[in-house]
């Protein structure tokens, strides 16, 4: 009887702790969403990857003005909410196998969620070369927030935009919030 009681106490503790940990990850996702949504509308000043906020994104990964900044934007946002991630302006660095949850139309571990990062493959470069946040994963569409893009979805744009992309445009999605 005592063993059964001890088991139930441990089991109850496990359930409560798991629930709290799950809420912590959910809370982290909403915190992150608040940060990246607050950046929508930021535009380069003077073009050519310039501007006060663009400089902050680039500085967060050790770069100066003039460099492509989509991955630096992602890194800066993650840094604001203390999420472990590759602090890098190099898009392929976010395609770590242990963090991939979706690749080329296949769900590997789970459905993408708010705050996960999507990567777009560029055949001409033979690598993923654009990145941003998944804001909402829908049946055929992905609502995103991404830096260094424009209304046309370019990887060399002029600001932070909230976009609607077809799922088939997404090469991979990585989850750094729930990473073990």
Protein backbone atom coordinates (compact mmCIF):
# COMPACT_ATOMS: atom_id res chain seq x y z
CA UNK A 1 0.00 0.00 0.00
CA UNK A 2 2.81 2.40 0.90
CA UNK A 3 4.54 1.69 -2.45
CA UNK A 4 1.33 2.44 -4.33
CA UNK A 5 0.85 5.66 -2.39
CA UNK A 6 4.48 6.70 -3.09
CA UNK A 7 4.01 5.91 -6.78
CA UNK A 8 0.88 8.07 -6.98
CA UNK A 9 2.62 10.96 -5.21
CA UNK A 10 5.53 10.77 -7.69
CA UNK A 11 3.13 10.40 -10.61
CA UNK A 12 1.08 13.41 -9.49
CA UNK A 13 4.28 15.43 -9.04
CA UNK A 14 5.38 14.39 -12.56
CA UNK A 15 2.05 15.54 -14.04
CA UNK A 16 2.14 18.88 -12.25
CA UNK A 17 5.79 19.52 -13.16
CA UNK A 18 5.20 18.53 -16.80
CA UNK A 19 2.21 20.84 -16.96
CA UNK A 20 4.19 23.74 -15.49
CA UNK A 21 7.07 23.11 -17.92
CA UNK A 22 4.61 23.03 -20.82
CA UNK A 23 3.10 26.32 -19.66
CA UNK A 24 6.61 27.80 -19.43
CA UNK A 25 7.28 26.91 -23.09
CA UNK A 26 3.89 28.28 -24.09
CA UNK A 27 4.57 31.45 -22.14
CA UNK A 28 7.99 31.75 -23.85
CA UNK A 29 6.31 31.42 -27.27
CA UNK A 30 3.87 34.25 -26.48
CA UNK A 31 6.66 36.43 -25.10
CA UNK A 32 8.66 35.84 -28.27
CA UNK A 33 5.63 36.52 -30.46
CA UNK A 34 5.12 39.84 -28.69
CA UNK A 35 8.76 40.78 -29.45
CA UNK A 36 8.78 39.86 -33.14
CA UNK A 37 5.34 41.36 -33.80
CA UNK A 38 6.54 44.61 -32.22
CA UNK A 39 9.18 44.80 -34.96
CA UNK A 40 6.72 44.56 -37.88
CA UNK A 41 6.98 47.83 -39.79
CA UNK A 42 10.68 48.42 -39.06
CA UNK A 43 12.29 49.54 -42.32
CA UNK A 44 15.85 50.02 -43.46
CA UNK A 45 16.94 53.65 -43.45
CA UNK A 46 18.83 54.54 -46.60
CA UNK A 47 18.53 51.01 -48.02
CA UNK A 48 21.45 48.60 -48.40
CA UNK A 49 20.92 46.87 -45.03
CA UNK A 50 21.21 50.15 -43.09
CA UNK A 51 19.28 51.71 -40.23
CA UNK A 52 19.26 52.02 -36.46
CA UNK A 53 17.19 48.90 -35.71
CA UNK A 54 18.90 46.87 -38.46
CA UNK A 55 22.20 47.80 -36.79
CA UNK A 56 20.90 46.35 -33.49
CA UNK A 57 19.92 43.08 -35.19
CA UNK A 58 23.33 42.77 -36.85
CA UNK A 59 25.23 43.76 -33.70
CA UNK A 60 23.44 40.97 -31.79
CA UNK A 61 25.42 38.46 -33.90
CA UNK A 62 28.65 40.47 -34.08
CA UNK A 63 28.14 42.06 -37.52
CA UNK A 64 28.15 45.68 -38.64
CA UNK A 65 25.86 47.42 -41.12
CA UNK A 66 25.61 46.29 -44.72
CA UNK A 67 25.12 42.55 -44.21
CA UNK A 68 21.97 40.55 -44.91
CA UNK A 69 20.03 40.48 -41.69
CA UNK A 70 17.11 38.00 -41.77
CA UNK A 71 18.92 35.53 -39.45
CA UNK A 72 20.25 38.36 -37.29
CA UNK A 73 16.64 39.49 -36.80
CA UNK A 74 15.70 35.97 -35.65
CA UNK A 75 18.68 35.85 -33.30
CA UNK A 76 17.95 39.28 -31.82
CA UNK A 77 14.34 38.27 -31.08
CA UNK A 78 15.41 35.00 -29.43
CA UNK A 79 17.98 36.89 -27.35
CA UNK A 80 15.25 39.19 -26.01
CA UNK A 81 13.49 36.22 -24.40
CA UNK A 82 16.51 34.07 -23.51
CA UNK A 83 15.97 31.17 -25.92
CA UNK A 84 19.07 29.07 -26.69
CA UNK A 85 19.73 29.18 -30.42
CA UNK A 86 22.61 29.55 -32.88
CA UNK A 87 23.57 33.20 -32.38
CA UNK A 88 24.36 33.60 -36.04
CA UNK A 89 23.58 35.56 -39.18
CA UNK A 90 24.20 32.35 -41.20
CA UNK A 91 20.79 30.88 -42.13
CA UNK A 92 22.02 27.25 -42.53
CA UNK A 93 23.14 27.33 -38.89
CA UNK A 94 19.46 27.21 -37.88
CA UNK A 95 18.92 23.89 -39.71
CA UNK A 96 20.44 21.76 -36.94
CA UNK A 97 19.22 18.21 -37.22
CA UNK A 98 18.28 17.99 -33.51
CA UNK A 99 16.00 21.03 -33.84
CA UNK A 100 14.29 20.18 -37.15
CA UNK A 101 10.59 19.39 -36.75
CA UNK A 102 9.54 19.69 -40.40
CA UNK A 103 11.45 19.26 -43.64
CA UNK A 104 10.39 19.20 -47.28
CA UNK A 105 6.72 18.56 -46.58
CA UNK A 106 7.31 15.94 -43.84
CA UNK A 107 6.54 16.44 -40.17
CA UNK A 108 9.49 14.97 -38.28
CA UNK A 109 8.50 15.56 -34.66
CA UNK A 110 5.54 17.92 -34.36
CA UNK A 111 3.48 20.58 -36.07
CA UNK A 112 5.24 23.93 -36.32
CA UNK A 113 4.06 26.44 -33.73
CA UNK A 114 4.27 30.14 -33.03
CA UNK A 115 7.93 31.09 -32.52
CA UNK A 116 9.48 28.24 -34.49
CA UNK A 117 11.67 29.33 -37.39
CA UNK A 118 11.11 28.48 -41.04
CA UNK A 119 13.87 28.25 -43.64
CA UNK A 120 13.55 28.69 -47.39
CA UNK A 121 15.85 26.77 -49.76
CA UNK A 122 17.49 28.56 -52.68
CA UNK A 123 18.46 26.09 -55.39
CA UNK A 124 20.82 28.59 -56.98
CA UNK A 125 22.80 28.73 -53.71
CA UNK A 126 22.27 25.05 -52.84
CA UNK A 127 21.34 25.97 -49.26
CA UNK A 128 18.65 27.58 -47.12
CA UNK A 129 19.13 31.33 -47.53
CA UNK A 130 16.14 33.00 -45.86
CA UNK A 131 14.64 32.60 -42.40
CA UNK A 132 11.84 34.01 -40.28
CA UNK A 133 9.31 33.13 -37.60
CA UNK A 134 6.26 30.92 -37.97
CA UNK A 135 3.43 32.97 -36.50
CA UNK A 136 0.60 30.62 -37.50
CA UNK A 137 0.83 27.25 -39.30
CA UNK A 138 -2.36 26.70 -41.29
CA UNK A 139 -3.62 23.95 -43.63
CA UNK A 140 -1.91 25.29 -46.78
CA UNK A 141 -0.46 28.57 -45.61
CA UNK A 142 2.07 29.81 -43.10
CA UNK A 143 1.69 33.25 -41.55
CA UNK A 144 5.23 34.49 -40.94
CA UNK A 145 7.16 37.41 -39.51
CA UNK A 146 10.50 37.90 -41.21
CA UNK A 147 13.22 40.48 -41.50
CA UNK A 148 15.10 41.69 -44.58
CA UNK A 149 12.16 40.96 -46.85
CA UNK A 150 9.51 42.99 -48.70
CA UNK A 151 5.97 42.67 -50.04
CA UNK A 152 7.20 40.26 -52.73
CA UNK A 153 8.91 37.97 -50.19
CA UNK A 154 12.46 38.71 -51.32
CA UNK A 155 15.42 37.65 -49.18
CA UNK A 156 16.97 41.05 -49.81
CA UNK A 157 14.12 43.32 -48.84
CA UNK A 158 13.81 46.49 -46.84
CA UNK A 159 12.15 45.64 -43.55
CA UNK A 160 10.28 43.41 -41.13
CA UNK A 161 7.01 42.15 -42.58
CA UNK A 162 4.17 39.86 -41.58
CA UNK A 163 3.58 37.64 -44.60
CA UNK A 164 1.43 34.81 -45.85
CA UNK A 165 3.44 32.10 -47.61
CA UNK A 166 2.41 28.80 -49.12
CA UNK A 167 3.59 25.85 -47.04
CA UNK A 168 5.34 24.40 -50.06
CA UNK A 169 7.71 27.41 -50.04
CA UNK A 170 9.02 26.31 -46.63
CA UNK A 171 12.00 23.95 -46.83
CA UNK A 172 12.33 23.29 -43.09
CA UNK A 173 11.17 24.41 -39.66
CA UNK A 174 13.28 24.32 -36.49
CA UNK A 175 12.09 24.46 -32.88
CA UNK A 176 14.51 26.04 -30.41
CA UNK A 177 11.97 26.82 -27.68
CA UNK A 178 11.21 23.21 -26.69
CA UNK A 179 14.71 21.93 -27.50
CA UNK A 180 16.03 19.40 -25.07
